[in-house]
C-alpha atoms as a PDB file:
ATOM      1  CA  MET A   1      84.811  29.087 -26.717  1.00  0.00           C
ATOM      2  CA  LYS A   2      83.685  28.048 -23.245  1.00  0.00           C
ATOM      3  CA  THR A   3      85.764  29.352 -19.557  1.00  0.00           C
ATOM      4  CA  ILE A   4      86.311  27.193 -17.247  1.00  0.00           C
ATOM      5  CA  ILE A   5      85.976  28.087 -13.134  1.00  0.00           C
ATOM      6  CA  THR A   6      86.520  25.990 -10.554  1.00  0.00           C
ATOM      7  CA  LEU A   7      85.455  25.683  -7.173  1.00  0.00           C
ATOM      8  CA  ALA A   8      86.567  24.689  -4.005  1.00  0.00           C
ATOM      9  CA  SER A   9      84.121  22.736  -2.608  1.00  0.00           C
ATOM     10  CA  ILE A  10      79.614  22.442  -3.375  1.00  0.00           C
ATOM     11  CA  CYS A  11      76.640  21.049  -0.964  1.00  0.00           C
ATOM     12  CA  PHE A  12      74.143  20.133  -3.247  1.00  0.00           C
ATOM     13  CA  ILE A  13      70.673  19.271  -1.391  1.00  0.00           C
ATOM     14  CA  CYS A  14      67.781  18.452  -2.658  1.00  0.00           C
ATOM     15  CA  LEU A  15      63.803  18.288  -1.017  1.00  0.00           C
ATOM     16  CA  SER A  16      61.433  16.235  -1.393  1.00  0.00           C
ATOM     17  CA  ALA A  17      57.580  16.780  -0.605  1.00  0.00           C
ATOM     18  CA  ASN A  18      55.369  13.988   0.800  1.00  0.00           C
ATOM     19  CA  ALA A  19      51.949  14.287   0.311  1.00  0.00           C
ATOM     20  CA  GLN A  20      51.716  13.874   4.187  1.00  0.00           C
ATOM     21  CA  ASN A  21      52.436  15.772   6.773  1.00  0.00           C
ATOM     22  CA  TRP A  22      56.787  15.352   6.792  1.00  0.00           C
ATOM     23  CA  ASN A  23      58.886  16.152   4.388  1.00  0.00           C
ATOM     24  CA  CYS A  24      63.039  15.999   4.239  1.00  0.00           C
ATOM     25  CA  ASP A  25      66.499  17.092   2.306  1.00  0.00           C
ATOM     26  CA  THR A  26      67.242  14.233   0.167  1.00  0.00           C
ATOM     27  CA  LEU A  27      70.322  14.795  -1.258  1.00  0.00           C
ATOM     28  CA  ILE A  28      73.280  15.775   0.553  1.00  0.00           C
ATOM     29  CA  ASN A  29      76.569  15.951  -1.380  1.00  0.00           C
ATOM     30  CA  ILE A  30      79.613  16.057   0.127  1.00  0.00           C
ATOM     31  CA  VAL A  31      82.852  16.807  -1.196  1.00  0.00           C
ATOM     32  CA  LYS A  32      86.185  17.058   1.146  1.00  0.00           C
ATOM     33  CA  THR A  33      90.350  15.566   1.384  1.00  0.00           C
ATOM     34  CA  THR A  34      91.600  13.042   3.975  1.00  0.00           C
ATOM     35  CA  ASN A  35      92.840  16.628   5.291  1.00  0.00           C
ATOM     36  CA  HIS A  36      89.367  16.655   7.083  1.00  0.00           C
ATOM     37  CA  ILE A  37      89.614  14.458  10.334  1.00  0.00           C
ATOM     38  CA  GLN A  38      86.164  14.877  11.254  1.00  0.00           C
ATOM     39  CA  ILE A  39      83.473  15.881   9.251  1.00  0.00           C
ATOM     40  CA  HIS A  40      79.928  16.938   9.933  1.00  0.00           C
ATOM     41  CA  THR A  41      76.570  17.888   8.634  1.00  0.00           C
ATOM     42  CA  TYR A  42      73.218  17.342   7.993  1.00  0.00           C
ATOM     43  CA  GLY A  43      70.085  16.492   6.649  1.00  0.00           C
ATOM     44  CA  ASN A  44      66.713  18.834   7.385  1.00  0.00           C
ATOM     45  CA  VAL A  45      63.590  16.838   8.466  1.00  0.00           C
ATOM     46  CA  TYR A  46      61.156  19.141   8.290  1.00  0.00           C
ATOM     47  CA  ASN A  47      57.019  18.925  10.896  1.00  0.00           C
ATOM     48  CA  ILE A  48      54.353  20.240   8.734  1.00  0.00           C
ATOM     49  CA  ASP A  49      51.413  19.331  10.988  1.00  0.00           C
ATOM     50  CA  ASP A  50      50.568  20.837  14.210  1.00  0.00           C
ATOM     51  CA  ILE A  51      51.153  17.732  16.545  1.00  0.00           C
ATOM     52  CA  ASP A  52      54.379  15.751  17.574  1.00  0.00           C
ATOM     53  CA  ILE A  53      54.890  12.843  14.361  1.00  0.00           C
ATOM     54  CA  SER A  54      56.109   9.627  15.243  1.00  0.00           C
ATOM     55  CA  MET A  55      59.296   8.810  12.892  1.00  0.00           C
ATOM     56  CA  SER A  56      61.438   5.400  12.232  1.00  0.00           C
ATOM     57  CA  TYR A  57      65.226   5.124   9.438  1.00  0.00           C
ATOM     58  CA  THR A  58      67.173   2.705   8.609  1.00  0.00           C
ATOM     59  CA  ALA A  59      70.779   2.835   7.055  1.00  0.00           C
ATOM     60  CA  ARG A  60      72.151   1.561   3.879  1.00  0.00           C
ATOM     61  CA  PHE A  61      75.441   1.613   2.887  1.00  0.00           C
ATOM     62  CA  GLU A  62      76.952   1.597  -0.894  1.00  0.00           C
ATOM     63  CA  ASN A  63      80.573   1.486  -1.967  1.00  0.00           C
ATOM     64  CA  ILE A  64      81.427   2.808   2.350  1.00  0.00           C
ATOM     65  CA  PRO A  65      84.769   1.756   2.638  1.00  0.00           C
ATOM     66  CA  ASP A  66      85.292  -0.584   5.989  1.00  0.00           C
ATOM     67  CA  GLU A  67      87.770   2.293   7.300  1.00  0.00           C
ATOM     68  CA  TRP A  68      85.210   4.559   7.697  1.00  0.00           C
ATOM     69  CA  GLN A  69      83.341   5.357  10.441  1.00  0.00           C
ATOM     70  CA  ILE A  70      79.407   6.763  10.645  1.00  0.00           C
ATOM     71  CA  PHE A  71      77.748   8.398  13.203  1.00  0.00           C
ATOM     72  CA  LEU A  72      74.162  10.032  13.632  1.00  0.00           C
ATOM     73  CA  ASP A  73      72.429  12.615  15.420  1.00  0.00           C
ATOM     74  CA  ASP A  74      68.629  12.222  14.860  1.00  0.00           C
ATOM     75  CA  PRO A  75      66.143  14.854  16.550  1.00  0.00           C
ATOM     76  CA  THR A  76      65.660  12.210  19.798  1.00  0.00           C
ATOM     77  CA  ASN A  77      69.207  10.292  19.719  1.00  0.00           C
ATOM     78  CA  SER A  78      72.460   9.973  19.591  1.00  0.00           C
ATOM     79  CA  TYR A  79      74.458   7.003  18.063  1.00  0.00           C
ATOM     80  CA  THR A  80      78.279   6.173  18.754  1.00  0.00           C
ATOM     81  CA  GLU A  81      77.900   4.563  15.511  1.00  0.00           C
ATOM     82  CA  VAL A  82      75.913   3.682  12.322  1.00  0.00           C
ATOM     83  CA  THR A  83      76.196   0.468  10.328  1.00  0.00           C
ATOM     84  CA  GLU A  84      74.989  -1.426   7.485  1.00  0.00           C
ATOM     85  CA  GLY A  85      71.452  -1.894   8.630  1.00  0.00           C
ATOM     86  CA  SER A  86      71.050   0.185  11.481  1.00  0.00           C
ATOM     87  CA  SER A  87      67.607   1.189  12.678  1.00  0.00           C
ATOM     88  CA  ALA A  88      66.155   3.803  15.160  1.00  0.00           C
ATOM     89  CA  ASN A  89      62.846   5.322  16.393  1.00  0.00           C
ATOM     90  CA  PHE A  90      62.549   9.257  16.515  1.00  0.00           C
ATOM     91  CA  THR A  91      60.421  12.112  17.529  1.00  0.00           C
ATOM     92  CA  LEU A  92      59.206  15.074  14.666  1.00  0.00           C
ATOM     93  CA  SER A  93      58.307  17.751  17.812  1.00  0.00           C
ATOM     94  CA  GLU A  94      55.546  19.576  16.311  1.00  0.00           C
ATOM     95  CA  GLY A  95      55.443  23.685  15.956  1.00  0.00           C
ATOM     96  CA  ILE A  96      58.815  23.985  14.575  1.00  0.00           C
ATOM     97  CA  ASP A  97      59.724  27.107  12.994  1.00  0.00           C
ATOM     98  CA  PRO A  98      60.286  25.972   9.620  1.00  0.00           C
ATOM     99  CA  LEU A  99      63.369  28.118   9.298  1.00  0.00           C
ATOM    100  CA  TYR A 100      64.803  26.034  11.886  1.00  0.00           C
ATOM    101  CA  PRO A 101      63.883  22.258  11.158  1.00  0.00           C
ATOM    102  CA  GLU A 102      65.317  19.291  13.416  1.00  0.00           C
ATOM    103  CA  LYS A 103      68.246  17.886  11.509  1.00  0.00           C
ATOM    104  CA  MET A 104      70.257  14.358  11.276  1.00  0.00           C
ATOM    105  CA  ILE A 105      73.190  15.002  11.501  1.00  0.00           C
ATOM    106  CA  PHE A 106      76.060  13.358  10.296  1.00  0.00           C
ATOM    107  CA  GLY A 107      79.048  12.666  11.282  1.00  0.00           C
ATOM    108  CA  MET A 108      82.233  11.031  10.024  1.00  0.00           C
ATOM    109  CA  ASN A 109      86.222   9.709  10.507  1.00  0.00           C
ATOM    110  CA  HIS A 110      87.811   8.664   7.036  1.00  0.00           C
ATOM    111  CA  ASN A 111      90.613   7.539   8.887  1.00  0.00           C
ATOM    112  CA  GLY A 112      92.994   8.569   6.215  1.00  0.00           C
ATOM    113  CA  VAL A 113      91.390   6.631   3.411  1.00  0.00           C
ATOM    114  CA  PRO A 114      89.655   7.745   0.745  1.00  0.00           C
ATOM    115  CA  GLY A 115      86.518   6.788  -1.606  1.00  0.00           C
ATOM    116  CA  HIS A 116      83.504   7.686  -3.002  1.00  0.00           C
ATOM    117  CA  GLY A 117      80.189   5.866  -1.293  1.00  0.00           C
ATOM    118  CA  GLU A 118      76.675   6.825  -0.285  1.00  0.00           C
ATOM    119  CA  LEU A 119      75.128   6.670   3.239  1.00  0.00           C
ATOM    120  CA  VAL A 120      71.102   6.109   2.659  1.00  0.00           C
ATOM    121  CA  TYR A 121      68.302   6.610   4.779  1.00  0.00           C
ATOM    122  CA  ASN A 122      65.365   4.772   4.627  1.00  0.00           C
ATOM    123  CA  ILE A 123      62.614   6.966   6.312  1.00  0.00           C
ATOM    124  CA  HIS A 124      59.139   6.873   7.445  1.00  0.00           C
ATOM    125  CA  SER A 125      55.950   7.811   9.943  1.00  0.00           C
ATOM    126  CA  LEU A 126      55.610   4.619  11.753  1.00  0.00           C
ATOM    127  CA  SER A 127      51.838   5.143  11.246  1.00  0.00           C
ATOM    128  CA  ASN A 128      52.299   5.109   7.473  1.00  0.00           C
ATOM    129  CA  PRO A 129      55.294   2.850   6.644  1.00  0.00           C
ATOM    130  CA  ALA A 130      54.728   3.198   2.560  1.00  0.00           C
ATOM    131  CA  ASP A 131      55.104   6.788   3.129  1.00  0.00           C
ATOM    132  CA  SER A 132      58.845   7.189   3.063  1.00  0.00           C
ATOM    133  CA  THR A 133      61.519   9.423   1.178  1.00  0.00           C
ATOM    134  CA  LYS A 134      65.231   8.454   1.512  1.00  0.00           C
ATOM    135  CA  MET A 135      67.843  10.284   2.691  1.00  0.00           C
ATOM    136  CA  VAL A 136      71.162  10.388   1.063  1.00  0.00           C
ATOM    137  CA  PHE A 137      74.782  11.133   1.978  1.00  0.00           C
ATOM    138  CA  ASP A 138      76.678  11.283  -1.022  1.00  0.00           C
ATOM    139  CA  ILE A 139      80.715  11.210   0.015  1.00  0.00           C
ATOM    140  CA  VAL A 140      83.215  11.782  -2.559  1.00  0.00           C
ATOM    141  CA  ILE A 141      86.728  11.473   0.023  1.00  0.00           C
ATOM    142  CA  THR A 142      89.694  12.609  -1.656  1.00  0.00           C
ATOM    143  CA  SER A 143      93.648  12.435  -0.370  1.00  0.00           C
ATOM    144  CA  GLY A 144      94.746  15.807   0.940  1.00  0.00           C
ATOM    145  CA  SER A 145      98.417  16.344   1.626  1.00  0.00           C
ATOM    146  CA  PRO A 146     101.359  14.915   1.887  1.00  0.00           C
ATOM    147  CA  LEU A 147     100.289  14.116  -1.805  1.00  0.00           C
ATOM    148  CA  ALA A 148      98.978  17.734  -2.228  1.00  0.00           C
ATOM    149  CA  VAL A 149     101.764  18.754  -4.594  1.00  0.00           C
ATOM    150  CA  GLU A 150     100.798  15.606  -6.899  1.00  0.00           C
ATOM    151  CA  GLU A 151      96.951  16.927  -6.243  1.00  0.00           C
ATOM    152  CA  VAL A 152      97.553  20.264  -7.937  1.00  0.00           C
ATOM    153  CA  GLU A 153      99.612  18.708 -10.725  1.00  0.00           C
ATOM    154  CA  LEU A 154      96.295  16.570 -11.228  1.00  0.00           C
ATOM    155  CA  ASP A 155      94.658  19.847 -10.897  1.00  0.00           C
ATOM    156  CA  ARG A 156      96.641  21.553 -13.695  1.00  0.00           C
ATOM    157  CA  ALA A 157      97.051  18.895 -16.122  1.00  0.00           C
ATOM    158  CA  PHE A 158      92.926  17.628 -15.789  1.00  0.00           C
ATOM    159  CA  TYR A 159      91.154  20.330 -17.376  1.00  0.00           C
ATOM    160  CA  TYR A 160      87.848  21.489 -19.886  1.00  0.00           C
ATOM    161  CA  ALA A 161      89.244  21.800 -23.139  1.00  0.00           C
ATOM    162  CA  GLY A 162      86.219  23.269 -25.109  1.00  0.00           C
ATOM    163  CA  GLN A 163      83.931  21.594 -27.146  1.00  0.00           C
ATOM    164  CA  GLY A 164      83.027  18.816 -24.350  1.00  0.00           C
ATOM    165  CA  ASN A 165      86.816  17.692 -24.599  1.00  0.00           C
ATOM    166  CA  PHE A 166      88.613  16.897 -21.070  1.00  0.00           C
ATOM    167  CA  HIS A 167      92.452  16.865 -20.724  1.00  0.00           C
ATOM    168  CA  LEU A 168      93.245  14.315 -18.797  1.00  0.00           C
ATOM    169  CA  PRO A 169      96.239  13.366 -16.579  1.00  0.00           C
ATOM    170  CA  ALA A 170      98.673  10.202 -17.891  1.00  0.00           C
ATOM    171  CA  ASN A 171      97.313   6.754 -16.431  1.00  0.00           C
ATOM    172  CA  VAL A 172      93.658   7.227 -15.939  1.00  0.00           C
ATOM    173  CA  GLU A 173      91.369   4.472 -16.043  1.00  0.00           C
ATOM    174  CA  SER A 174      88.110   5.815 -15.934  1.00  0.00           C
ATOM    175  CA  ILE A 175      85.929   9.022 -15.420  1.00  0.00           C
ATOM    176  CA  ASN A 176      82.827   9.980 -14.034  1.00  0.00           C
ATOM    177  CA  VAL A 177      81.220  12.731 -14.396  1.00  0.00           C
ATOM    178  CA  TRP A 178      77.972  14.170 -11.784  1.00  0.00           C
ATOM    179  CA  ASN A 179      75.438  17.475 -12.268  1.00  0.00           C
ATOM    180  CA  ILE A 180      74.572  19.908 -10.055  1.00  0.00           C
ATOM    181  CA  SER A 181      71.688  17.414  -8.280  1.00  0.00           C
ATOM    182  CA  GLY A 182      74.493  14.409  -8.048  1.00  0.00           C
ATOM    183  CA  LYS A 183      72.769  12.621 -10.995  1.00  0.00           C
ATOM    184  CA  LEU A 184      75.328  11.118 -12.855  1.00  0.00           C
ATOM    185  CA  ILE A 185      75.189  11.940 -16.562  1.00  0.00           C
ATOM    186  CA  THR A 186      78.541  10.340 -18.108  1.00  0.00           C
ATOM    187  CA  GLN A 187      81.339   7.984 -18.032  1.00  0.00           C
ATOM    188  CA  ALA A 188      84.419   6.079 -19.366  1.00  0.00           C
ATOM    189  CA  GLU A 189      86.688   3.540 -18.455  1.00  0.00           C
ATOM    190  CA  ASN A 190      89.430   1.596 -20.049  1.00  0.00           C
ATOM    191  CA  LEU A 191      90.984   4.954 -21.071  1.00  0.00           C
ATOM    192  CA  GLY A 192      94.703   3.764 -21.409  1.00  0.00           C
ATOM    193  CA  ASN A 193      96.518   6.710 -22.135  1.00  0.00           C
ATOM    194  CA  THR A 194      93.809   8.882 -23.502  1.00  0.00           C
ATOM    195  CA  GLN A 195      95.042  12.505 -24.134  1.00  0.00           C
ATOM    196  CA  TYR A 196      91.565  13.682 -24.596  1.00  0.00           C
ATOM    197  CA  ILE A 197      88.366  12.659 -24.335  1.00  0.00           C
ATOM    198  CA  ASN A 198      85.018  13.826 -25.776  1.00  0.00           C
ATOM    199  CA  LEU A 199      81.864  13.667 -23.553  1.00  0.00           C
ATOM    200  CA  ASP A 200      78.184  14.998 -23.593  1.00  0.00           C
ATOM    201  CA  THR A 201      77.926  17.160 -20.219  1.00  0.00           C
ATOM    202  CA  GLY A 202      74.477  17.873 -21.856  1.00  0.00           C
ATOM    203  CA  ASN A 203      73.400  21.778 -20.362  1.00  0.00           C
ATOM    204  CA  ASN A 204      74.628  21.114 -17.235  1.00  0.00           C
ATOM    205  CA  GLN A 205      76.789  24.462 -16.078  1.00  0.00           C
ATOM    206  CA  PHE A 206      77.223  22.631 -12.798  1.00  0.00           C
ATOM    207  CA  ILE A 207      79.373  19.670 -12.930  1.00  0.00           C
ATOM    208  CA  LEU A 208      81.379  17.104 -10.573  1.00  0.00           C
ATOM    209  CA  ALA A 209      84.324  15.141 -12.537  1.00  0.00           C
ATOM    210  CA  GLU A 210      86.082  12.007 -10.880  1.00  0.00           C
ATOM    211  CA  ILE A 211      89.199  10.213 -12.413  1.00  0.00           C
ATOM    212  CA  LYS A 212      90.235   7.033 -11.294  1.00  0.00           C
ATOM    213  CA  MET A 213      93.687   6.653 -11.349  1.00  0.00           C
ATOM    214  CA  ASN A 214      96.368   4.111 -10.225  1.00  0.00           C
ATOM    215  CA  ASN A 215      93.950   3.127  -6.810  1.00  0.00           C
ATOM    216  CA  ARG A 216      92.928   6.914  -6.173  1.00  0.00           C
ATOM    217  CA  LEU A 217      90.088   8.807  -6.920  1.00  0.00           C
ATOM    218  CA  PHE A 218      90.407  12.924  -7.869  1.00  0.00           C
ATOM    219  CA  SER A 219      87.592  15.035  -8.330  1.00  0.00           C
ATOM    220  CA  LYS A 220      87.107  18.710  -9.430  1.00  0.00           C
ATOM    221  CA  LYS A 221      84.453  20.985  -9.815  1.00  0.00           C
ATOM    222  CA  PHE A 222      84.156  22.822 -12.442  1.00  0.00           C
ATOM    223  CA  VAL A 223      81.398  26.214 -13.448  1.00  0.00           C
ATOM    224  CA  VAL A 224      81.419  25.709 -17.898  1.00  0.00           C
ATOM    225  CA  ILE A 225      80.306  29.386 -18.935  1.00  0.00           C
ATOM    226  CA  ASP A 226      79.653  29.409 -22.515  1.00  0.00           C
END
């Protein structure tokens, strides 16, 4: 029998190492509601050399709603807004303490619109464009109050029933499940009035499950303990 503990919020960050003289975080998961008007977080960029490094990035949007406004401060510049295809150069200073790396500071205003999208920064050194890494901000925004009462009811109706079975609220259109690294591990669509669905989550104890219903997204985190 499995016991489920729900978590309010988890931020997962993965680190990528390059063969060159820098590296950076590659995955930053953001899970918020529309009650959070301004959202800020950051990804770290590390200079592991003893000289300044000239860098560049290009931004790409994946499923970002048109209503969302994205902002970025890199180690050199501050911008009013980032759009699809935005690019800029910046400098990684030498001699930075590894405990206090340079930061790509992310900010957004969702303007009350829920959604699930990715902001992808393709970062590379100017001296070696092939030496590149993607920093991905995976953003899940669900509806907050005044729908708080409805979400409490959804939370109660959406739970893990054991043996790979999830109990679903009524009128769920689809479900996606990610592991702690942000990798999609299973999904199902066209659920209709399905009350229980069996999903293989493998050996993943930490999961994020997202359901779509009535053109809205609702996500819930679980810790699955045997």
